[in-house]
Amino acid sequence: MSSIKEIFSTKNSPINVLMQTEWFLGFILIVVYLDAYFQLVHQVPIYIAIQQREIYLTNAIDYIAAISFFSITFTALFTLMRFLHIFLLSNLLDKIGCKTYELPKSEEAKDFKRISDLKIQAVRENNKELRYYCEKAEEKIRMRTSISRRFLGIIFFTIIHIYFAKEWENYPLMFRFIFEYLETQPEDFRSFVHFVLILLMVPVFYLLEQSIKIENDYIYFSSDNK
């Protein structure tokens, strides 16, 4: 247990990496949502709304509607989706080979404990280091859940945007950038961007895989650490 604080305080610690991903996805989520909102409500992309803010960003009703829909989506809709995922979809995904629960293997079970049990043990033993370990583990779980919600939010608002778009000018800004802006660029630059987009599919599929997993409160705690 002597190295716990060293592990979580380093620059490339799991917590710091997750925080960077969480903030980045949060920024992308806001842009995707606002682009969808202004395209579907006012038929203009977000950059036009910002450029002509005296027209599109002065109506208080727009602010209330945008914030309300966003809040309702993340409080009610995503809570419902997670409920359905845990009690219905997870069983179907497990049957087709997509593991949704990250429980420790039977031969490693002795080296894993519930966070709640370890917190009780930390209080009983007055073990500040163990309590710190539990707090960091809980924070990591919270961040992973937040990352999954933000990633799924990006997918959700993108699908909604495409579904209700009446014509190409109303499609998400990202798609229009890829198909319109790149068409005016040199062939070498287009090839480079296409290569980068292909590479980006790797973290996208990883985030999608992580998003369907249901977090548990088992963390590594070997008997040697007692």
C-alpha atoms as a PDB file:
ATOM      1  CA  MET A   1       0.000   0.000   0.000  1.00  0.00           C
ATOM      2  CA  SER A   2       3.038   2.283   0.220  1.00  0.00           C
ATOM      3  CA  SER A   3       2.870   3.156  -3.494  1.00  0.00           C
ATOM      4  CA  ILE A   4      -0.846   4.011  -3.736  1.00  0.00           C
ATOM      5  CA  LYS A   5      -0.408   7.788  -3.540  1.00  0.00           C
ATOM      6  CA  GLU A   6       2.504   7.634  -5.964  1.00  0.00           C
ATOM      7  CA  ILE A   7       0.381   5.756  -8.508  1.00  0.00           C
ATOM      8  CA  PHE A   8      -2.543   8.207  -8.372  1.00  0.00           C
ATOM      9  CA  SER A   9      -0.478  11.394  -8.137  1.00  0.00           C
ATOM     10  CA  THR A  10       1.674  10.882 -11.238  1.00  0.00           C
ATOM     11  CA  LYS A  11       1.026  12.908 -14.386  1.00  0.00           C
ATOM     12  CA  ASN A  12      -0.001   9.830 -16.401  1.00  0.00           C
ATOM     13  CA  SER A  13      -2.052   8.254 -13.641  1.00  0.00           C
ATOM     14  CA  PRO A  14      -5.409   6.660 -14.556  1.00  0.00           C
ATOM     15  CA  ILE A  15      -7.259   9.527 -12.852  1.00  0.00           C
ATOM     16  CA  ASN A  16      -5.456  12.236 -14.848  1.00  0.00           C
ATOM     17  CA  VAL A  17      -5.916  10.378 -18.130  1.00  0.00           C
ATOM     18  CA  LEU A  18      -9.632   9.930 -17.450  1.00  0.00           C
ATOM     19  CA  MET A  19     -10.002  13.610 -16.510  1.00  0.00           C
ATOM     20  CA  GLN A  20      -8.486  14.674 -19.842  1.00  0.00           C
ATOM     21  CA  THR A  21     -10.821  12.348 -21.748  1.00  0.00           C
ATOM     22  CA  GLU A  22     -13.814  13.482 -19.685  1.00  0.00           C
ATOM     23  CA  TRP A  23     -13.222  17.177 -20.419  1.00  0.00           C
ATOM     24  CA  PHE A  24     -12.519  16.558 -24.121  1.00  0.00           C
ATOM     25  CA  LEU A  25     -15.709  14.526 -24.610  1.00  0.00           C
ATOM     26  CA  GLY A  26     -17.627  17.122 -22.613  1.00  0.00           C
ATOM     27  CA  PHE A  27     -16.497  19.840 -25.040  1.00  0.00           C
ATOM     28  CA  ILE A  28     -17.393  17.698 -28.093  1.00  0.00           C
ATOM     29  CA  LEU A  29     -20.782  16.891 -26.547  1.00  0.00           C
ATOM     30  CA  ILE A  30     -21.640  20.574 -26.055  1.00  0.00           C
ATOM     31  CA  VAL A  31     -20.621  21.443 -29.628  1.00  0.00           C
ATOM     32  CA  VAL A  32     -22.579  18.507 -31.092  1.00  0.00           C
ATOM     33  CA  TYR A  33     -25.659  19.339 -29.026  1.00  0.00           C
ATOM     34  CA  LEU A  34     -25.650  23.067 -29.821  1.00  0.00           C
ATOM     35  CA  ASP A  35     -25.061  22.363 -33.504  1.00  0.00           C
ATOM     36  CA  ALA A  36     -28.037  20.004 -33.510  1.00  0.00           C
ATOM     37  CA  TYR A  37     -30.185  22.497 -31.587  1.00  0.00           C
ATOM     38  CA  PHE A  38     -29.531  25.485 -33.853  1.00  0.00           C
ATOM     39  CA  GLN A  39     -29.800  23.420 -37.023  1.00  0.00           C
ATOM     40  CA  LEU A  40     -33.109  21.830 -36.068  1.00  0.00           C
ATOM     41  CA  VAL A  41     -34.687  24.918 -34.469  1.00  0.00           C
ATOM     42  CA  HIS A  42     -33.283  27.774 -36.571  1.00  0.00           C
ATOM     43  CA  GLN A  43     -31.900  25.887 -39.607  1.00  0.00           C
ATOM     44  CA  VAL A  44     -28.416  27.378 -39.141  1.00  0.00           C
ATOM     45  CA  PRO A  45     -25.169  25.714 -37.988  1.00  0.00           C
ATOM     46  CA  ILE A  46     -23.603  26.706 -34.708  1.00  0.00           C
ATOM     47  CA  TYR A  47     -20.866  28.853 -36.264  1.00  0.00           C
ATOM     48  CA  ILE A  48     -23.487  30.968 -38.084  1.00  0.00           C
ATOM     49  CA  ALA A  49     -25.422  31.349 -34.823  1.00  0.00           C
ATOM     50  CA  ILE A  50     -22.245  32.605 -33.129  1.00  0.00           C
ATOM     51  CA  GLN A  51     -21.377  34.962 -35.981  1.00  0.00           C
ATOM     52  CA  GLN A  52     -24.921  36.384 -35.974  1.00  0.00           C
ATOM     53  CA  ARG A  53     -25.371  36.212 -32.212  1.00  0.00           C
ATOM     54  CA  GLU A  54     -27.452  39.402 -32.200  1.00  0.00           C
ATOM     55  CA  ILE A  55     -30.130  37.363 -34.018  1.00  0.00           C
ATOM     56  CA  TYR A  56     -29.821  33.874 -32.570  1.00  0.00           C
ATOM     57  CA  LEU A  57     -28.301  34.378 -29.119  1.00  0.00           C
ATOM     58  CA  THR A  58     -30.482  37.112 -27.675  1.00  0.00           C
ATOM     59  CA  ASN A  59     -33.727  35.197 -27.117  1.00  0.00           C
ATOM     60  CA  ALA A  60     -34.039  34.063 -23.510  1.00  0.00           C
ATOM     61  CA  ILE A  61     -36.485  31.316 -24.533  1.00  0.00           C
ATOM     62  CA  ASP A  62     -33.756  29.703 -26.639  1.00  0.00           C
ATOM     63  CA  TYR A  63     -31.461  29.531 -23.628  1.00  0.00           C
ATOM     64  CA  ILE A  64     -34.169  28.027 -21.439  1.00  0.00           C
ATOM     65  CA  ALA A  65     -35.239  25.518 -24.098  1.00  0.00           C
ATOM     66  CA  ALA A  66     -31.680  24.454 -24.912  1.00  0.00           C
ATOM     67  CA  ILE A  67     -30.662  24.000 -21.278  1.00  0.00           C
ATOM     68  CA  SER A  68     -33.930  22.275 -20.341  1.00  0.00           C
ATOM     69  CA  PHE A  69     -33.805  19.730 -23.161  1.00  0.00           C
ATOM     70  CA  PHE A  70     -30.150  18.996 -22.474  1.00  0.00           C
ATOM     71  CA  SER A  71     -30.799  18.548 -18.738  1.00  0.00           C
ATOM     72  CA  ILE A  72     -33.864  16.373 -19.266  1.00  0.00           C
ATOM     73  CA  THR A  73     -31.949  14.168 -21.688  1.00  0.00           C
ATOM     74  CA  PHE A  74     -29.148  13.506 -19.237  1.00  0.00           C
ATOM     75  CA  THR A  75     -31.260  13.121 -16.129  1.00  0.00           C
ATOM     76  CA  ALA A  76     -34.354  11.290 -17.335  1.00  0.00           C
ATOM     77  CA  LEU A  77     -33.561   9.710 -20.690  1.00  0.00           C
ATOM     78  CA  PHE A  78     -30.089   8.414 -19.854  1.00  0.00           C
ATOM     79  CA  THR A  79     -31.259   7.132 -16.484  1.00  0.00           C
ATOM     80  CA  LEU A  80     -34.020   5.201 -18.277  1.00  0.00           C
ATOM     81  CA  MET A  81     -31.567   3.934 -20.898  1.00  0.00           C
ATOM     82  CA  ARG A  82     -29.172   2.735 -18.190  1.00  0.00           C
ATOM     83  CA  PHE A  83     -32.046   0.976 -16.397  1.00  0.00           C
ATOM     84  CA  LEU A  84     -33.004  -0.840 -19.613  1.00  0.00           C
ATOM     85  CA  HIS A  85     -29.364  -1.616 -20.268  1.00  0.00           C
ATOM     86  CA  ILE A  86     -28.775  -3.199 -16.883  1.00  0.00           C
ATOM     87  CA  PHE A  87     -31.969  -5.258 -16.711  1.00  0.00           C
ATOM     88  CA  LEU A  88     -32.629  -6.079 -20.391  1.00  0.00           C
ATOM     89  CA  LEU A  89     -29.900  -5.307 -22.893  1.00  0.00           C
ATOM     90  CA  SER A  90     -27.026  -6.620 -20.778  1.00  0.00           C
ATOM     91  CA  ASN A  91     -28.394 -10.177 -20.909  1.00  0.00           C
ATOM     92  CA  LEU A  92     -28.801  -9.995 -24.689  1.00  0.00           C
ATOM     93  CA  LEU A  93     -25.301  -8.579 -25.131  1.00  0.00           C
ATOM     94  CA  ASP A  94     -23.812 -11.298 -22.936  1.00  0.00           C
ATOM     95  CA  LYS A  95     -25.492 -13.986 -25.051  1.00  0.00           C
ATOM     96  CA  ILE A  96     -23.855 -12.685 -28.238  1.00  0.00           C
ATOM     97  CA  GLY A  97     -20.431 -12.454 -26.624  1.00  0.00           C
ATOM     98  CA  CYS A  98     -20.329  -8.804 -25.509  1.00  0.00           C
ATOM     99  CA  LYS A  99     -19.362  -8.852 -21.858  1.00  0.00           C
ATOM    100  CA  THR A 100     -21.123  -6.096 -19.982  1.00  0.00           C
ATOM    101  CA  TYR A 101     -19.940  -6.955 -16.455  1.00  0.00           C
ATOM    102  CA  GLU A 102     -16.277  -6.617 -15.469  1.00  0.00           C
ATOM    103  CA  LEU A 103     -16.266  -8.997 -12.528  1.00  0.00           C
ATOM    104  CA  PRO A 104     -12.936 -10.490 -11.382  1.00  0.00           C
ATOM    105  CA  LYS A 105     -12.106 -13.997 -12.562  1.00  0.00           C
ATOM    106  CA  SER A 106     -12.705 -16.802 -10.082  1.00  0.00           C
ATOM    107  CA  GLU A 107      -8.987 -17.461  -9.600  1.00  0.00           C
ATOM    108  CA  GLU A 108      -8.400 -13.745  -8.885  1.00  0.00           C
ATOM    109  CA  ALA A 109     -11.490 -13.182  -6.731  1.00  0.00           C
ATOM    110  CA  LYS A 110      -9.503 -13.396  -3.490  1.00  0.00           C
ATOM    111  CA  ASP A 111      -7.511 -10.330  -4.553  1.00  0.00           C
ATOM    112  CA  PHE A 112     -10.624  -8.176  -5.137  1.00  0.00           C
ATOM    113  CA  LYS A 113     -12.918  -6.564  -2.588  1.00  0.00           C
ATOM    114  CA  ARG A 114     -15.903  -4.247  -2.644  1.00  0.00           C
ATOM    115  CA  ILE A 115     -15.119  -0.601  -2.082  1.00  0.00           C
ATOM    116  CA  SER A 116     -17.798  -0.403   0.611  1.00  0.00           C
ATOM    117  CA  ASP A 117     -16.125  -3.234   2.550  1.00  0.00           C
ATOM    118  CA  LEU A 118     -12.707  -1.629   2.235  1.00  0.00           C
ATOM    119  CA  LYS A 119     -14.046   1.722   3.432  1.00  0.00           C
ATOM    120  CA  ILE A 120     -15.429   0.041   6.543  1.00  0.00           C
ATOM    121  CA  GLN A 121     -12.085  -1.664   7.044  1.00  0.00           C
ATOM    122  CA  ALA A 122     -10.259   1.666   6.637  1.00  0.00           C
ATOM    123  CA  VAL A 123     -12.426   3.278   9.320  1.00  0.00           C
ATOM    124  CA  ARG A 124     -12.046   0.309  11.647  1.00  0.00           C
ATOM    125  CA  GLU A 125      -8.247   0.311  11.287  1.00  0.00           C
ATOM    126  CA  ASN A 126      -7.941   4.103  11.011  1.00  0.00           C
ATOM    127  CA  ASN A 127      -6.047   3.477   7.773  1.00  0.00           C
ATOM    128  CA  LYS A 128      -5.775   6.807   5.951  1.00  0.00           C
ATOM    129  CA  GLU A 129      -3.923   5.282   3.010  1.00  0.00           C
ATOM    130  CA  LEU A 130      -6.618   2.677   2.427  1.00  0.00           C
ATOM    131  CA  ARG A 131      -9.310   5.368   2.652  1.00  0.00           C
ATOM    132  CA  TYR A 132      -7.391   7.415   0.057  1.00  0.00           C
ATOM    133  CA  TYR A 133      -7.186   4.325  -2.167  1.00  0.00           C
ATOM    134  CA  CYS A 134     -10.967   3.827  -1.935  1.00  0.00           C
ATOM    135  CA  GLU A 135     -11.697   7.490  -2.666  1.00  0.00           C
ATOM    136  CA  LYS A 136      -9.515   7.416  -5.781  1.00  0.00           C
ATOM    137  CA  ALA A 137     -11.138   4.161  -6.938  1.00  0.00           C
ATOM    138  CA  GLU A 138     -14.603   5.693  -6.514  1.00  0.00           C
ATOM    139  CA  GLU A 139     -13.486   8.774  -8.438  1.00  0.00           C
ATOM    140  CA  LYS A 140     -12.178   6.575 -11.252  1.00  0.00           C
ATOM    141  CA  ILE A 141     -15.513   4.735 -11.472  1.00  0.00           C
ATOM    142  CA  ARG A 142     -17.383   8.044 -11.488  1.00  0.00           C
ATOM    143  CA  MET A 143     -15.211   9.375 -14.297  1.00  0.00           C
ATOM    144  CA  ARG A 144     -15.591   6.217 -16.389  1.00  0.00           C
ATOM    145  CA  THR A 145     -19.364   6.442 -15.990  1.00  0.00           C
ATOM    146  CA  SER A 146     -19.277  10.134 -16.935  1.00  0.00           C
ATOM    147  CA  ILE A 147     -17.126   9.400 -20.004  1.00  0.00           C
ATOM    148  CA  SER A 148     -19.558   6.693 -21.121  1.00  0.00           C
ATOM    149  CA  ARG A 149     -22.546   9.027 -20.710  1.00  0.00           C
ATOM    150  CA  ARG A 150     -20.863  11.819 -22.649  1.00  0.00           C
ATOM    151  CA  PHE A 151     -19.803   9.501 -25.448  1.00  0.00           C
ATOM    152  CA  LEU A 152     -23.293   8.033 -25.730  1.00  0.00           C
ATOM    153  CA  GLY A 153     -24.681  11.581 -25.615  1.00  0.00           C
ATOM    154  CA  ILE A 154     -22.554  12.521 -28.626  1.00  0.00           C
ATOM    155  CA  ILE A 155     -23.876   9.494 -30.527  1.00  0.00           C
ATOM    156  CA  PHE A 156     -27.480  10.182 -29.436  1.00  0.00           C
ATOM    157  CA  PHE A 157     -27.541  13.855 -30.474  1.00  0.00           C
ATOM    158  CA  THR A 158     -25.746  13.059 -33.743  1.00  0.00           C
ATOM    159  CA  ILE A 159     -28.356  10.422 -34.629  1.00  0.00           C
ATOM    160  CA  ILE A 160     -31.218  12.761 -33.667  1.00  0.00           C
ATOM    161  CA  HIS A 161     -29.640  15.529 -35.731  1.00  0.00           C
ATOM    162  CA  ILE A 162     -29.314  13.325 -38.824  1.00  0.00           C
ATOM    163  CA  TYR A 163     -32.813  11.856 -38.405  1.00  0.00           C
ATOM    164  CA  PHE A 164     -34.574  15.229 -38.301  1.00  0.00           C
ATOM    165  CA  ALA A 165     -32.340  16.984 -40.846  1.00  0.00           C
ATOM    166  CA  LYS A 166     -34.492  17.847 -43.850  1.00  0.00           C
ATOM    167  CA  GLU A 167     -31.637  18.489 -46.277  1.00  0.00           C
ATOM    168  CA  TRP A 168     -27.846  18.317 -46.521  1.00  0.00           C
ATOM    169  CA  GLU A 169     -27.413  21.888 -45.206  1.00  0.00           C
ATOM    170  CA  ASN A 170     -28.990  20.752 -41.931  1.00  0.00           C
ATOM    171  CA  TYR A 171     -26.639  17.822 -41.381  1.00  0.00           C
ATOM    172  CA  PRO A 172     -24.107  17.870 -38.490  1.00  0.00           C
ATOM    173  CA  LEU A 173     -21.241  20.288 -38.934  1.00  0.00           C
ATOM    174  CA  MET A 174     -18.702  17.472 -38.634  1.00  0.00           C
ATOM    175  CA  PHE A 175     -20.138  15.591 -41.624  1.00  0.00           C
ATOM    176  CA  ARG A 176     -20.349  18.721 -43.739  1.00  0.00           C
ATOM    177  CA  PHE A 177     -16.745  19.564 -42.892  1.00  0.00           C
ATOM    178  CA  ILE A 178     -15.559  16.131 -43.956  1.00  0.00           C
ATOM    179  CA  PHE A 179     -17.449  16.038 -47.246  1.00  0.00           C
ATOM    180  CA  GLU A 180     -17.442  19.719 -48.251  1.00  0.00           C
ATOM    181  CA  TYR A 181     -14.282  21.326 -46.892  1.00  0.00           C
ATOM    182  CA  LEU A 182     -12.018  18.422 -47.789  1.00  0.00           C
ATOM    183  CA  GLU A 183     -13.273  18.407 -51.368  1.00  0.00           C
ATOM    184  CA  THR A 184     -11.626  21.798 -51.881  1.00  0.00           C
ATOM    185  CA  GLN A 185      -8.266  20.720 -50.444  1.00  0.00           C
ATOM    186  CA  PRO A 186      -5.235  19.148 -52.175  1.00  0.00           C
ATOM    187  CA  GLU A 187      -5.198  15.389 -52.598  1.00  0.00           C
ATOM    188  CA  ASP A 188      -2.292  14.885 -50.172  1.00  0.00           C
ATOM    189  CA  PHE A 189      -4.093  16.786 -47.419  1.00  0.00           C
ATOM    190  CA  ARG A 190      -7.302  14.829 -47.988  1.00  0.00           C
ATOM    191  CA  SER A 191      -5.401  11.552 -47.803  1.00  0.00           C
ATOM    192  CA  PHE A 192      -3.804  12.658 -44.534  1.00  0.00           C
ATOM    193  CA  VAL A 193      -7.157  13.613 -42.987  1.00  0.00           C
ATOM    194  CA  HIS A 194      -8.732  10.332 -44.127  1.00  0.00           C
ATOM    195  CA  PHE A 195      -5.846   8.444 -42.520  1.00  0.00           C
ATOM    196  CA  VAL A 196      -6.333  10.368 -39.255  1.00  0.00           C
ATOM    197  CA  LEU A 197     -10.078   9.642 -39.319  1.00  0.00           C
ATOM    198  CA  ILE A 198      -9.369   5.928 -39.758  1.00  0.00           C
ATOM    199  CA  LEU A 199      -7.013   6.017 -36.763  1.00  0.00           C
ATOM    200  CA  LEU A 200      -9.696   7.776 -34.727  1.00  0.00           C
ATOM    201  CA  MET A 201     -11.989   4.804 -35.242  1.00  0.00           C
ATOM    202  CA  VAL A 202      -9.823   2.817 -32.807  1.00  0.00           C
ATOM    203  CA  PRO A 203     -10.592   4.995 -29.729  1.00  0.00           C
ATOM    204  CA  VAL A 204     -14.200   5.361 -30.935  1.00  0.00           C
ATOM    205  CA  PHE A 205     -14.738   1.597 -30.921  1.00  0.00           C
ATOM    206  CA  TYR A 206     -12.940   1.358 -27.576  1.00  0.00           C
ATOM    207  CA  LEU A 207     -15.213   4.007 -26.046  1.00  0.00           C
ATOM    208  CA  LEU A 208     -18.246   2.233 -27.500  1.00  0.00           C
ATOM    209  CA  GLU A 209     -17.123  -1.036 -25.934  1.00  0.00           C
ATOM    210  CA  GLN A 210     -16.529   0.650 -22.579  1.00  0.00           C
ATOM    211  CA  SER A 211     -19.913   2.388 -22.752  1.00  0.00           C
ATOM    212  CA  ILE A 212     -21.838  -0.886 -22.768  1.00  0.00           C
ATOM    213  CA  LYS A 213     -20.032  -2.166 -19.679  1.00  0.00           C
ATOM    214  CA  ILE A 214     -21.714  -1.876 -16.302  1.00  0.00           C
ATOM    215  CA  GLU A 215     -19.407  -0.637 -13.579  1.00  0.00           C
ATOM    216  CA  ASN A 216     -19.006  -2.635 -10.384  1.00  0.00           C
ATOM    217  CA  ASP A 217     -17.445  -1.650  -7.077  1.00  0.00           C
ATOM    218  CA  TYR A 218     -14.865  -4.446  -6.929  1.00  0.00           C
ATOM    219  CA  ILE A 219     -11.290  -3.138  -6.832  1.00  0.00           C
ATOM    220  CA  TYR A 220      -7.933  -4.823  -6.576  1.00  0.00           C
ATOM    221  CA  PHE A 221      -6.766  -5.316  -3.002  1.00  0.00           C
ATOM    222  CA  SER A 222      -4.347  -8.177  -2.573  1.00  0.00           C
ATOM    223  CA  SER A 223      -3.972  -9.827   0.789  1.00  0.00           C
ATOM    224  CA  ASP A 224      -0.325  -8.761   0.608  1.00  0.00           C
ATOM    225  CA  ASN A 225      -1.417  -5.149   0.987  1.00  0.00           C
ATOM    226  CA  LYS A 226      -2.939  -5.657   4.383  1.00  0.00           C
END
